[in-house]
Amino acid sequence: MSYYDLTIAGMTCAHCVRGVSAALARVPGLVVEHVSVGHARVRASTTLAVDSIREAVEAAGYTLTAVEAGGVAT
């Protein structure tokens, strides 16, 4: 499993956090660890294209501005 730290633009409130959380939760193979205003940490159980994450964030109405791979969880 790999972790990803996401920076997300346009989030300003708890409603935004819920929307992004729900959108990311629908991505197959992705587990949402934490979402806060402007940031999310997710865990991928499979090889996951960043485009899948970007599409989910954009579908929720926000912009993925950075993705940092956090390494492999054991």
N, C-alpha and C. Protein backbone atom coordinates (compact mmCIF):
# COMPACT_ATOMS: atom_id res chain seq x y z
N MET A 1 0.83 -1.18 0.00
CA MET A 1 0.00 0.00 0.00
C MET A 1 0.87 1.24 0.00
N SER A 2 0.45 2.22 -0.73
CA SER A 2 1.17 3.49 -0.79
C SER A 2 0.29 4.62 -0.26
N TYR A 3 0.93 5.57 0.38
CA TYR A 3 0.22 6.75 0.86
C TYR A 3 0.45 7.92 -0.08
N TYR A 4 -0.55 8.79 -0.18
CA TYR A 4 -0.44 10.01 -0.96
C TYR A 4 -0.96 11.17 -0.13
N ASP A 5 -0.20 12.25 -0.09
CA ASP A 5 -0.66 13.49 0.52
C ASP A 5 -1.08 14.42 -0.61
N LEU A 6 -2.32 14.89 -0.53
CA LEU A 6 -2.90 15.71 -1.58
C LEU A 6 -3.09 17.13 -1.11
N THR A 7 -2.78 18.08 -1.97
CA THR A 7 -3.09 19.48 -1.73
C THR A 7 -4.22 19.84 -2.67
N ILE A 8 -5.31 20.39 -2.10
CA ILE A 8 -6.52 20.63 -2.88
C ILE A 8 -6.94 22.08 -2.72
N ALA A 9 -7.08 22.77 -3.84
CA ALA A 9 -7.48 24.18 -3.84
C ALA A 9 -8.99 24.30 -3.93
N GLY A 10 -9.51 25.35 -3.28
CA GLY A 10 -10.93 25.66 -3.37
C GLY A 10 -11.76 25.20 -2.19
N MET A 11 -11.17 24.44 -1.30
CA MET A 11 -11.90 23.96 -0.12
C MET A 11 -11.87 25.05 0.95
N THR A 12 -13.04 25.34 1.53
CA THR A 12 -13.10 26.40 2.53
C THR A 12 -13.87 26.04 3.80
N CYS A 13 -14.54 24.88 3.82
CA CYS A 13 -15.42 24.60 4.95
C CYS A 13 -15.65 23.10 5.13
N ALA A 14 -16.41 22.76 6.15
CA ALA A 14 -16.73 21.36 6.44
C ALA A 14 -17.52 20.71 5.30
N HIS A 15 -18.36 21.47 4.64
CA HIS A 15 -19.11 20.94 3.49
C HIS A 15 -18.15 20.51 2.39
N CYS A 16 -17.12 21.30 2.16
CA CYS A 16 -16.10 20.96 1.17
C CYS A 16 -15.38 19.67 1.56
N VAL A 17 -15.05 19.55 2.82
CA VAL A 17 -14.36 18.36 3.32
C VAL A 17 -15.23 17.12 3.08
N ARG A 18 -16.51 17.21 3.39
CA ARG A 18 -17.41 16.07 3.17
C ARG A 18 -17.50 15.71 1.70
N GLY A 19 -17.58 16.70 0.83
CA GLY A 19 -17.68 16.45 -0.61
C GLY A 19 -16.43 15.77 -1.17
N VAL A 20 -15.28 16.25 -0.77
CA VAL A 20 -14.03 15.66 -1.24
C VAL A 20 -13.86 14.25 -0.66
N SER A 21 -14.20 14.08 0.61
CA SER A 21 -14.11 12.76 1.23
C SER A 21 -14.96 11.75 0.48
N ALA A 22 -16.19 12.13 0.17
CA ALA A 22 -17.10 11.23 -0.54
C ALA A 22 -16.59 10.93 -1.94
N ALA A 23 -16.07 11.92 -2.64
CA ALA A 23 -15.57 11.72 -4.00
C ALA A 23 -14.36 10.78 -4.00
N LEU A 24 -13.45 10.98 -3.06
CA LEU A 24 -12.27 10.12 -2.99
C LEU A 24 -12.64 8.70 -2.58
N ALA A 25 -13.63 8.56 -1.72
CA ALA A 25 -14.06 7.23 -1.27
C ALA A 25 -14.62 6.39 -2.41
N ARG A 26 -15.08 7.03 -3.45
CA ARG A 26 -15.63 6.31 -4.61
C ARG A 26 -14.57 5.82 -5.58
N VAL A 27 -13.31 6.20 -5.40
CA VAL A 27 -12.24 5.76 -6.29
C VAL A 27 -11.85 4.33 -5.91
N PRO A 28 -12.00 3.38 -6.83
CA PRO A 28 -11.64 1.99 -6.52
C PRO A 28 -10.17 1.86 -6.10
N GLY A 29 -9.95 1.12 -5.02
CA GLY A 29 -8.58 0.89 -4.55
C GLY A 29 -8.02 1.97 -3.66
N LEU A 30 -8.82 3.01 -3.39
CA LEU A 30 -8.35 4.13 -2.58
C LEU A 30 -9.06 4.12 -1.23
N VAL A 31 -8.30 4.31 -0.16
CA VAL A 31 -8.84 4.41 1.19
C VAL A 31 -8.54 5.81 1.70
N VAL A 32 -9.55 6.51 2.15
CA VAL A 32 -9.38 7.87 2.66
C VAL A 32 -8.95 7.80 4.12
N GLU A 33 -7.77 8.30 4.41
CA GLU A 33 -7.25 8.32 5.78
C GLU A 33 -7.73 9.57 6.53
N HIS A 34 -7.63 10.72 5.87
CA HIS A 34 -7.96 12.00 6.52
C HIS A 34 -8.18 13.07 5.46
N VAL A 35 -9.19 13.89 5.69
CA VAL A 35 -9.42 15.05 4.82
C VAL A 35 -9.67 16.25 5.71
N SER A 36 -8.99 17.35 5.40
CA SER A 36 -9.23 18.63 6.06
C SER A 36 -9.24 19.69 4.98
N VAL A 37 -9.56 20.91 5.34
CA VAL A 37 -9.62 21.98 4.36
C VAL A 37 -8.27 22.11 3.67
N GLY A 38 -8.26 21.88 2.36
CA GLY A 38 -7.05 22.04 1.55
C GLY A 38 -6.10 20.86 1.51
N HIS A 39 -6.43 19.79 2.24
CA HIS A 39 -5.48 18.68 2.33
C HIS A 39 -6.22 17.35 2.48
N ALA A 40 -5.64 16.30 1.94
CA ALA A 40 -6.15 14.95 2.16
C ALA A 40 -4.99 13.98 2.19
N ARG A 41 -5.16 12.91 2.94
CA ARG A 41 -4.18 11.81 2.96
C ARG A 41 -4.96 10.55 2.64
N VAL A 42 -4.50 9.87 1.60
CA VAL A 42 -5.17 8.65 1.15
C VAL A 42 -4.17 7.51 1.05
N ARG A 43 -4.70 6.31 1.02
CA ARG A 43 -3.88 5.10 0.92
C ARG A 43 -4.41 4.31 -0.27
N ALA A 44 -3.51 3.88 -1.13
CA ALA A 44 -3.89 3.11 -2.31
C ALA A 44 -3.50 1.65 -2.10
N SER A 45 -4.47 0.76 -2.29
CA SER A 45 -4.20 -0.67 -2.12
C SER A 45 -3.71 -1.30 -3.41
N THR A 46 -3.78 -0.57 -4.50
CA THR A 46 -3.33 -1.06 -5.79
C THR A 46 -2.52 0.04 -6.46
N THR A 47 -1.92 -0.29 -7.59
CA THR A 47 -1.26 0.73 -8.37
C THR A 47 -2.35 1.66 -8.90
N LEU A 48 -2.26 2.90 -8.56
CA LEU A 48 -3.34 3.84 -8.85
C LEU A 48 -2.78 5.01 -9.65
N ALA A 49 -3.45 5.35 -10.72
CA ALA A 49 -3.05 6.51 -11.51
C ALA A 49 -3.49 7.78 -10.79
N VAL A 50 -2.61 8.74 -10.72
CA VAL A 50 -2.94 10.03 -10.11
C VAL A 50 -4.12 10.66 -10.84
N ASP A 51 -4.28 10.35 -12.12
CA ASP A 51 -5.41 10.89 -12.88
C ASP A 51 -6.75 10.50 -12.26
N SER A 52 -6.84 9.31 -11.68
CA SER A 52 -8.08 8.87 -11.03
C SER A 52 -8.39 9.74 -9.82
N ILE A 53 -7.36 10.08 -9.07
CA ILE A 53 -7.55 10.95 -7.92
C ILE A 53 -7.94 12.35 -8.39
N ARG A 54 -7.23 12.85 -9.39
CA ARG A 54 -7.52 14.19 -9.93
C ARG A 54 -8.96 14.27 -10.43
N GLU A 55 -9.40 13.27 -11.17
CA GLU A 55 -10.77 13.26 -11.70
C GLU A 55 -11.80 13.30 -10.59
N ALA A 56 -11.57 12.56 -9.50
CA ALA A 56 -12.51 12.54 -8.38
C ALA A 56 -12.59 13.91 -7.71
N VAL A 57 -11.42 14.52 -7.49
CA VAL A 57 -11.39 15.84 -6.85
C VAL A 57 -12.08 16.87 -7.74
N GLU A 58 -11.79 16.85 -9.03
CA GLU A 58 -12.41 17.80 -9.96
C GLU A 58 -13.91 17.58 -10.09
N ALA A 59 -14.35 16.31 -10.04
CA ALA A 59 -15.79 16.02 -10.11
C ALA A 59 -16.52 16.61 -8.89
N ALA A 60 -15.81 16.72 -7.77
CA ALA A 60 -16.39 17.31 -6.58
C ALA A 60 -16.36 18.84 -6.62
N GLY A 61 -15.68 19.40 -7.63
CA GLY A 61 -15.67 20.85 -7.81
C GLY A 61 -14.42 21.55 -7.30
N TYR A 62 -13.33 20.80 -7.08
CA TYR A 62 -12.11 21.38 -6.54
C TYR A 62 -10.93 21.07 -7.45
N THR A 63 -9.77 21.61 -7.12
CA THR A 63 -8.59 21.44 -7.95
C THR A 63 -7.47 20.77 -7.16
N LEU A 64 -6.98 19.67 -7.69
CA LEU A 64 -5.83 18.98 -7.10
C LEU A 64 -4.59 19.72 -7.56
N THR A 65 -3.87 20.33 -6.62
CA THR A 65 -2.71 21.14 -7.01
C THR A 65 -1.38 20.44 -6.77
N ALA A 66 -1.36 19.43 -5.88
CA ALA A 66 -0.12 18.70 -5.65
C ALA A 66 -0.43 17.31 -5.09
N VAL A 67 0.40 16.36 -5.49
CA VAL A 67 0.33 14.99 -4.97
C VAL A 67 1.73 14.60 -4.57
N GLU A 68 1.88 14.22 -3.31
CA GLU A 68 3.18 13.77 -2.82
C GLU A 68 3.05 12.33 -2.36
N ALA A 69 3.82 11.46 -2.98
CA ALA A 69 3.81 10.05 -2.59
C ALA A 69 4.50 9.95 -1.24
N GLY A 70 3.81 9.30 -0.29
CA GLY A 70 4.32 9.21 1.07
C GLY A 70 5.02 7.92 1.40
N GLY A 71 5.17 7.02 0.45
CA GLY A 71 5.85 5.77 0.74
C GLY A 71 4.90 4.59 0.85
N VAL A 72 5.46 3.49 1.23
CA VAL A 72 4.71 2.24 1.29
C VAL A 72 4.43 1.88 2.73
N ALA A 73 3.18 1.55 3.02
CA ALA A 73 2.79 1.11 4.36
C ALA A 73 2.98 -0.39 4.47
N THR A 74 3.41 -0.84 5.62
CA THR A 74 3.60 -2.27 5.81
C THR A 74 2.56 -2.83 6.75
